Amino acid sequence: MSEINKEKLMTDIKTVLSDAEELLKQAASTTGERATELREKAVSRLKQAKEKAADVQVVVVEKGKKAVRATDDYVHEHPWQAIGIAAGVGVLVGLLINRR
């Protein structure tokens, strides 16, 4: 999923949630059938947001799995380089912690 698509999806989710929030506020100050109608619209909007969030979750999980596979392959192909990188990162973290 491209960066533009991710941004659009997140914008869509925020818009749907904002719409649902506004509908719920209107329903709180309204009574009768109109209140019921507004609440039903809000619930519908929240379901849409949930579905869009699930789509984002699927994409994130897939990308995470690809990153894990790539890292695992790299470590198996270049074990000494991986050990050196890990040691370097450990030294840097240790230095940063000791500076405090």
C-alpha atoms as a PDB file:
ATOM      1  CA  MET A   1       0.000   0.000   0.000  1.00  0.00           C
ATOM      2  CA  SER A   2       1.493   3.309  -1.014  1.00  0.00           C
ATOM      3  CA  GLU A   3       2.044   6.200   1.363  1.00  0.00           C
ATOM      4  CA  ILE A   4      -0.675   8.226  -0.375  1.00  0.00           C
ATOM      5  CA  ASN A   5      -3.191   5.401   0.055  1.00  0.00           C
ATOM      6  CA  LYS A   6      -2.299   5.072   3.744  1.00  0.00           C
ATOM      7  CA  GLU A   7      -2.770   8.783   4.296  1.00  0.00           C
ATOM      8  CA  LYS A   8      -6.101   8.731   2.455  1.00  0.00           C
ATOM      9  CA  LEU A   9      -7.283   5.751   4.473  1.00  0.00           C
ATOM     10  CA  MET A  10      -6.317   7.408   7.761  1.00  0.00           C
ATOM     11  CA  THR A  11      -8.038  10.632   6.660  1.00  0.00           C
ATOM     12  CA  ASP A  12     -11.148   8.630   5.766  1.00  0.00           C
ATOM     13  CA  ILE A  13     -11.175   6.957   9.175  1.00  0.00           C
ATOM     14  CA  LYS A  14     -10.810  10.303  10.952  1.00  0.00           C
ATOM     15  CA  THR A  15     -13.629  11.781   8.865  1.00  0.00           C
ATOM     16  CA  VAL A  16     -15.947   8.846   9.570  1.00  0.00           C
ATOM     17  CA  LEU A  17     -15.207   9.036  13.299  1.00  0.00           C
ATOM     18  CA  SER A  18     -15.765  12.785  13.314  1.00  0.00           C
ATOM     19  CA  ASP A  19     -19.098  12.339  11.507  1.00  0.00           C
ATOM     20  CA  ALA A  20     -20.164   9.673  13.985  1.00  0.00           C
ATOM     21  CA  GLU A  21     -19.205  11.883  16.917  1.00  0.00           C
ATOM     22  CA  GLU A  22     -21.241  14.767  15.502  1.00  0.00           C
ATOM     23  CA  LEU A  23     -24.249  12.502  14.929  1.00  0.00           C
ATOM     24  CA  LEU A  24     -24.053  11.224  18.503  1.00  0.00           C
ATOM     25  CA  LYS A  25     -23.905  14.788  19.843  1.00  0.00           C
ATOM     26  CA  GLN A  26     -26.989  15.690  17.802  1.00  0.00           C
ATOM     27  CA  ALA A  27     -28.775  12.555  18.985  1.00  0.00           C
ATOM     28  CA  ALA A  28     -28.041  13.461  22.604  1.00  0.00           C
ATOM     29  CA  SER A  29     -29.847  16.772  22.227  1.00  0.00           C
ATOM     30  CA  THR A  30     -32.731  15.347  20.181  1.00  0.00           C
ATOM     31  CA  THR A  31     -35.589  13.093  21.212  1.00  0.00           C
ATOM     32  CA  GLY A  32     -37.932  10.667  19.514  1.00  0.00           C
ATOM     33  CA  GLU A  33     -37.515   9.171  16.085  1.00  0.00           C
ATOM     34  CA  ARG A  34     -34.922  11.718  15.003  1.00  0.00           C
ATOM     35  CA  ALA A  35     -32.652  10.725  17.905  1.00  0.00           C
ATOM     36  CA  THR A  36     -33.001   7.050  17.021  1.00  0.00           C
ATOM     37  CA  GLU A  37     -32.221   7.810  13.384  1.00  0.00           C
ATOM     38  CA  LEU A  38     -29.123   9.824  14.328  1.00  0.00           C
ATOM     39  CA  ARG A  39     -27.878   7.075  16.642  1.00  0.00           C
ATOM     40  CA  GLU A  40     -28.343   4.470  13.901  1.00  0.00           C
ATOM     41  CA  LYS A  41     -26.369   6.633  11.464  1.00  0.00           C
ATOM     42  CA  ALA A  42     -23.632   7.059  14.054  1.00  0.00           C
ATOM     43  CA  VAL A  43     -23.440   3.313  14.634  1.00  0.00           C
ATOM     44  CA  SER A  44     -23.254   2.786  10.874  1.00  0.00           C
ATOM     45  CA  ARG A  45     -20.395   5.294  10.614  1.00  0.00           C
ATOM     46  CA  LEU A  46     -18.550   3.610  13.470  1.00  0.00           C
ATOM     47  CA  LYS A  47     -18.876   0.244  11.704  1.00  0.00           C
ATOM     48  CA  GLN A  48     -17.379   1.824   8.571  1.00  0.00           C
ATOM     49  CA  ALA A  49     -14.457   3.143  10.602  1.00  0.00           C
ATOM     50  CA  LYS A  50     -13.956  -0.270  12.170  1.00  0.00           C
ATOM     51  CA  GLU A  51     -13.860  -1.923   8.743  1.00  0.00           C
ATOM     52  CA  LYS A  52     -11.352   0.620   7.435  1.00  0.00           C
ATOM     53  CA  ALA A  53      -9.203   0.149  10.536  1.00  0.00           C
ATOM     54  CA  ALA A  54      -9.288  -3.617   9.962  1.00  0.00           C
ATOM     55  CA  ASP A  55      -8.036  -3.018   6.411  1.00  0.00           C
ATOM     56  CA  VAL A  56      -5.148  -0.959   7.766  1.00  0.00           C
ATOM     57  CA  GLN A  57      -4.371  -3.685  10.292  1.00  0.00           C
ATOM     58  CA  VAL A  58      -4.151  -6.322   7.554  1.00  0.00           C
ATOM     59  CA  VAL A  59      -1.708  -4.178   5.573  1.00  0.00           C
ATOM     60  CA  VAL A  60       0.437  -3.442   8.636  1.00  0.00           C
ATOM     61  CA  VAL A  61       0.577  -7.113   9.635  1.00  0.00           C
ATOM     62  CA  GLU A  62       1.586  -8.144   6.104  1.00  0.00           C
ATOM     63  CA  LYS A  63       4.345  -5.518   5.977  1.00  0.00           C
ATOM     64  CA  GLY A  64       5.523  -6.598   9.422  1.00  0.00           C
ATOM     65  CA  LYS A  65       5.719 -10.229   8.324  1.00  0.00           C
ATOM     66  CA  LYS A  66       7.711  -9.247   5.226  1.00  0.00           C
ATOM     67  CA  ALA A  67      10.137  -7.241   7.358  1.00  0.00           C
ATOM     68  CA  VAL A  68      10.579 -10.147   9.770  1.00  0.00           C
ATOM     69  CA  ARG A  69      11.223 -12.567   6.887  1.00  0.00           C
ATOM     70  CA  ALA A  70      13.747 -10.190   5.306  1.00  0.00           C
ATOM     71  CA  THR A  71      15.554  -9.721   8.619  1.00  0.00           C
ATOM     72  CA  ASP A  72      15.591 -13.458   9.292  1.00  0.00           C
ATOM     73  CA  ASP A  73      16.973 -14.162   5.817  1.00  0.00           C
ATOM     74  CA  TYR A  74      19.659 -11.512   6.231  1.00  0.00           C
ATOM     75  CA  VAL A  75      20.751 -12.843   9.622  1.00  0.00           C
ATOM     76  CA  HIS A  76      20.972 -16.388   8.272  1.00  0.00           C
ATOM     77  CA  GLU A  77      22.945 -15.264   5.218  1.00  0.00           C
ATOM     78  CA  HIS A  78      25.256 -12.860   7.115  1.00  0.00           C
ATOM     79  CA  PRO A  79      25.478 -14.018  10.737  1.00  0.00           C
ATOM     80  CA  TRP A  80      28.741 -12.254  11.609  1.00  0.00           C
ATOM     81  CA  GLN A  81      27.592  -8.949  10.163  1.00  0.00           C
ATOM     82  CA  ALA A  82      24.365  -9.263  12.153  1.00  0.00           C
ATOM     83  CA  ILE A  83      26.339  -9.916  15.338  1.00  0.00           C
ATOM     84  CA  GLY A  84      28.550  -6.895  14.619  1.00  0.00           C
ATOM     85  CA  ILE A  85      25.530  -4.652  14.017  1.00  0.00           C
ATOM     86  CA  ALA A  86      23.853  -5.882  17.201  1.00  0.00           C
ATOM     87  CA  ALA A  87      27.041  -5.287  19.191  1.00  0.00           C
ATOM     88  CA  GLY A  88      27.375  -1.775  17.753  1.00  0.00           C
ATOM     89  CA  VAL A  89      23.800  -0.910  18.607  1.00  0.00           C
ATOM     90  CA  GLY A  90      24.330  -2.326  22.105  1.00  0.00           C
ATOM     91  CA  VAL A  91      27.410  -0.162  22.619  1.00  0.00           C
ATOM     92  CA  LEU A  92      25.562   2.952  21.431  1.00  0.00           C
ATOM     93  CA  VAL A  93      22.622   2.252  23.726  1.00  0.00           C
ATOM     94  CA  GLY A  94      25.010   1.644  26.612  1.00  0.00           C
ATOM     95  CA  LEU A  95      26.782   4.948  25.956  1.00  0.00           C
ATOM     96  CA  LEU A  96      23.498   6.819  25.791  1.00  0.00           C
ATOM     97  CA  ILE A  97      22.300   5.275  29.037  1.00  0.00           C
ATOM     98  CA  ASN A  98      25.589   6.120  30.829  1.00  0.00           C
ATOM     99  CA  ARG A  99      25.404   9.767  29.731  1.00  0.00           C
ATOM    100  CA  ARG A 100      22.444  10.335  32.025  1.00  0.00           C
END
